[in-house]
Amino acid sequence: TGGYRGIVIYHLSQYDYVAFDRACTFDWEKDCAQTEVDEDNIFLVCSCCESKYLITDGSPVEGPAPRSLRQYSTYFDGTYLYVSNQ
């Protein structure tokens, strides 16, 4: 939950996480413009326009998407992961 179409959290390394809004940046108002993690856990793929984004930084690598996914701030204190839009 959260974000416009949900949030994807990816564990980069032991203490590093990234979080992205699942809303595709191309035709984001369409109901189907929601990204899903691909089977290899490398890309987020839009079910509408088939744009692909790198899961590590949210940048578009294929398709009509004009910009990166919205990234949220993350902070891991060793026990809890905090995600915010600040």
Protein backbone atom coordinates (compact mmCIF):
# COMPACT_ATOMS: atom_id res chain seq x y z
CA THR A 1 0.00 0.00 0.00
CA GLY A 2 1.00 3.65 -0.18
CA GLY A 3 2.11 5.73 -3.11
CA TYR A 4 -0.13 6.28 -6.10
CA ARG A 5 -0.27 2.65 -7.28
CA GLY A 6 1.61 1.03 -4.42
CA ILE A 7 5.29 0.97 -3.47
CA VAL A 8 8.00 -1.53 -4.38
CA ILE A 9 10.90 -1.90 -1.95
CA TYR A 10 14.14 -3.46 -3.14
CA HIS A 11 16.96 -4.65 -0.87
CA LEU A 12 20.20 -3.47 -2.55
CA SER A 13 22.67 -4.66 0.09
CA GLN A 14 22.85 -5.46 3.79
CA TYR A 15 21.82 -1.95 4.91
CA ASP A 16 20.65 -0.30 1.68
CA TYR A 17 17.09 -0.25 0.36
CA VAL A 18 15.33 1.68 -2.39
CA ALA A 19 11.60 2.32 -2.71
CA PHE A 20 9.68 3.32 -5.83
CA ASP A 21 6.08 4.17 -6.65
CA ARG A 22 4.60 1.46 -8.86
CA ALA A 23 2.85 3.99 -11.14
CA CYS A 24 4.31 3.99 -14.65
CA THR A 25 5.50 7.42 -15.80
CA PHE A 26 3.82 6.98 -19.20
CA ASP A 27 0.02 7.41 -19.15
CA TRP A 28 0.09 7.13 -15.36
CA GLU A 29 -3.63 7.92 -15.10
CA LYS A 30 -4.68 4.65 -16.77
CA ASP A 31 -5.81 1.93 -14.36
CA CYS A 32 -3.41 -0.56 -15.92
CA ALA A 33 -0.35 1.73 -15.59
CA GLN A 34 1.10 -0.16 -12.65
CA THR A 35 4.52 -1.79 -12.65
CA GLU A 36 5.23 -5.33 -11.51
CA VAL A 37 8.56 -6.94 -10.68
CA ASP A 38 9.67 -9.23 -13.53
CA GLU A 39 10.49 -12.90 -12.97
CA ASP A 40 14.26 -12.22 -12.82
CA ASN A 41 13.89 -9.45 -10.18
CA ILE A 42 15.81 -7.03 -12.41
CA PHE A 43 13.10 -4.81 -13.87
CA LEU A 44 9.77 -3.26 -13.00
CA VAL A 45 7.50 -3.67 -16.04
CA CYS A 46 4.32 -1.71 -16.84
CA SER A 47 1.39 -3.92 -17.78
CA CYS A 48 -0.05 -1.18 -20.05
CA CYS A 49 2.78 0.16 -22.21
CA GLU A 50 5.44 -2.46 -21.39
CA SER A 51 7.97 0.15 -20.27
CA LYS A 52 10.79 -1.38 -18.24
CA TYR A 53 12.59 0.28 -15.34
CA LEU A 54 15.72 -0.87 -13.51
CA ILE A 55 14.74 -2.07 -10.05
CA THR A 56 17.96 -0.67 -8.55
CA ASP A 57 17.39 2.99 -9.48
CA GLY A 58 13.97 3.25 -11.19
CA SER A 59 15.36 4.53 -14.48
CA PRO A 60 13.55 3.62 -17.72
CA VAL A 61 15.49 1.25 -19.99
CA GLU A 62 12.83 0.30 -22.55
CA GLY A 63 9.47 1.54 -23.82
CA PRO A 64 7.83 4.96 -24.01
CA ALA A 65 8.34 5.94 -20.33
CA PRO A 66 9.74 9.52 -20.30
CA ARG A 67 11.33 9.54 -16.83
CA SER A 68 12.29 7.45 -13.82
CA LEU A 69 9.82 6.09 -11.31
CA ARG A 70 9.15 8.29 -8.29
CA GLN A 71 11.63 7.33 -5.60
CA TYR A 72 10.90 7.51 -1.88
CA SER A 73 13.42 8.11 0.88
CA THR A 74 14.43 5.07 2.89
CA TYR A 75 16.22 4.69 6.20
CA PHE A 76 17.13 1.39 7.84
CA ASP A 77 18.12 1.55 11.51
CA GLY A 78 19.20 -2.09 11.74
CA THR A 79 15.75 -3.26 12.85
CA TYR A 80 13.11 -1.16 11.06
CA LEU A 81 12.93 0.19 7.53
CA TYR A 82 11.38 3.65 7.23
CA VAL A 83 9.96 4.85 3.91
CA SER A 84 8.80 8.43 3.38
CA ASN A 85 8.15 10.96 0.67
CA GLN A 86 10.44 13.55 2.27
